[in-house]
């Protein structure tokens, strides 16, 4: 039987078993090395609200900006949800061998 991928769709390499994680979209249990991971860094407050908070802040000094924290969250998806949400795409057999990460826009 021919193999579709060199790594069999996993990142396990000499580990017998990996713990399952829960897909954030459909709650399916997926092995941690097989799931698609996406790290999201977002502002806790949108830009217009941030300007309003900075204007009325008691901690703001002359020439300083108000620090508003960011939201850090690691999302894990199963393969079918990642394809459906267009986080990863289906690639041809030749393009599947390319392991270089594409440039961000």
Protein backbone atom coordinates (compact mmCIF):
# COMPACT_ATOMS: atom_id res chain seq x y z
CA UNK A 1 0.00 0.00 0.00
CA UNK A 2 1.53 3.36 -0.98
CA UNK A 3 2.12 6.06 1.61
CA UNK A 4 0.47 9.42 1.13
CA UNK A 5 2.91 11.35 3.32
CA UNK A 6 6.48 10.77 4.45
CA UNK A 7 5.50 11.41 8.08
CA UNK A 8 2.08 9.70 7.87
CA UNK A 9 0.44 13.02 8.77
CA UNK A 10 2.03 13.10 12.22
CA UNK A 11 5.01 14.60 13.99
CA UNK A 12 5.64 11.65 16.31
CA UNK A 13 9.08 10.25 15.37
CA UNK A 14 10.12 7.52 17.81
CA UNK A 15 7.37 8.18 20.34
CA UNK A 16 4.97 5.36 20.86
CA UNK A 17 1.93 7.36 21.95
CA UNK A 18 0.98 11.01 22.32
CA UNK A 19 -1.72 12.52 24.48
CA UNK A 20 -4.93 13.58 22.77
CA UNK A 21 -6.06 17.20 22.62
CA UNK A 22 -9.55 18.52 21.96
CA UNK A 23 -10.35 20.29 18.71
CA UNK A 24 -11.51 23.84 19.48
CA UNK A 25 -14.13 23.71 16.75
CA UNK A 26 -15.84 20.31 16.97
CA UNK A 27 -14.52 18.84 20.26
CA UNK A 28 -13.00 15.81 18.55
CA UNK A 29 -10.05 14.13 20.28
CA UNK A 30 -6.96 14.33 18.08
CA UNK A 31 -3.38 13.24 18.88
CA UNK A 32 -1.29 16.25 19.86
CA UNK A 33 1.28 15.63 17.14
CA UNK A 34 -1.40 15.36 14.43
CA UNK A 35 -3.52 18.39 15.27
CA UNK A 36 -3.05 21.71 13.52
CA UNK A 37 -1.93 24.37 15.97
CA UNK A 38 -2.51 28.10 15.58
CA UNK A 39 -1.23 30.68 18.04
CA UNK A 40 -3.44 33.78 18.21
CA UNK A 41 -2.34 37.09 19.70
CA UNK A 42 -5.15 39.65 19.84
CA UNK A 43 -5.71 42.95 21.54
CA UNK A 44 -8.01 42.65 24.52
CA UNK A 45 -9.72 45.91 23.58
CA UNK A 46 -10.37 47.28 20.09
CA UNK A 47 -8.66 50.44 18.84
CA UNK A 48 -11.50 52.92 19.41
CA UNK A 49 -12.05 51.76 22.99
CA UNK A 50 -8.31 51.85 23.66
CA UNK A 51 -8.19 55.54 22.75
CA UNK A 52 -11.11 56.27 25.10
CA UNK A 53 -9.44 54.39 27.97
CA UNK A 54 -6.13 56.15 27.36
CA UNK A 55 -7.85 59.53 27.47
CA UNK A 56 -9.41 59.00 30.92
CA UNK A 57 -6.62 56.91 32.49
CA UNK A 58 -5.32 58.10 35.86
CA UNK A 59 -2.01 56.27 35.37
CA UNK A 60 -1.01 58.03 32.17
CA UNK A 61 1.99 60.33 32.55
CA UNK A 62 3.18 62.98 30.16
CA UNK A 63 4.47 61.38 26.94
CA UNK A 64 3.71 57.79 28.02
CA UNK A 65 1.28 55.34 26.53
CA UNK A 66 -1.15 53.21 28.51
CA UNK A 67 -0.29 49.50 28.38
CA UNK A 68 -3.32 47.38 27.61
CA UNK A 69 -2.76 43.62 27.79
CA UNK A 70 -3.07 41.26 24.87
CA UNK A 71 -4.95 37.98 24.65
CA UNK A 72 -2.73 34.94 23.95
CA UNK A 73 -4.47 31.74 22.95
CA UNK A 74 -3.26 28.53 21.31
CA UNK A 75 -5.93 26.99 19.11
CA UNK A 76 -5.86 23.32 18.15
CA UNK A 77 -7.88 21.95 15.27
CA UNK A 78 -8.47 18.49 13.87
CA UNK A 79 -7.49 18.07 10.22
CA UNK A 80 -11.03 18.25 8.83
CA UNK A 81 -11.90 21.44 10.75
CA UNK A 82 -8.61 23.09 9.74
CA UNK A 83 -9.31 22.36 6.07
CA UNK A 84 -12.92 23.55 6.40
CA UNK A 85 -11.85 26.80 8.11
CA UNK A 86 -9.07 27.29 5.49
CA UNK A 87 -6.29 27.26 8.07
CA UNK A 88 -4.49 24.66 5.95
CA UNK A 89 -5.15 23.79 2.33
CA UNK A 90 -5.18 20.60 0.31
CA UNK A 91 -1.99 20.42 -1.73
CA UNK A 92 -1.00 18.35 -4.74
CA UNK A 93 1.38 15.41 -4.41
CA UNK A 94 4.38 17.43 -5.57
CA UNK A 95 3.61 20.48 -3.41
CA UNK A 96 3.11 18.23 -0.36
CA UNK A 97 6.86 17.67 -0.22
CA UNK A 98 7.55 21.39 0.30
CA UNK A 99 8.04 21.85 4.04
CA UNK A 100 9.08 25.50 3.92
CA UNK A 101 6.64 27.75 5.76
CA UNK A 102 5.09 30.39 3.45
CA UNK A 103 5.76 34.07 4.12
CA UNK A 104 3.24 36.04 6.13
CA UNK A 105 1.55 39.00 4.53
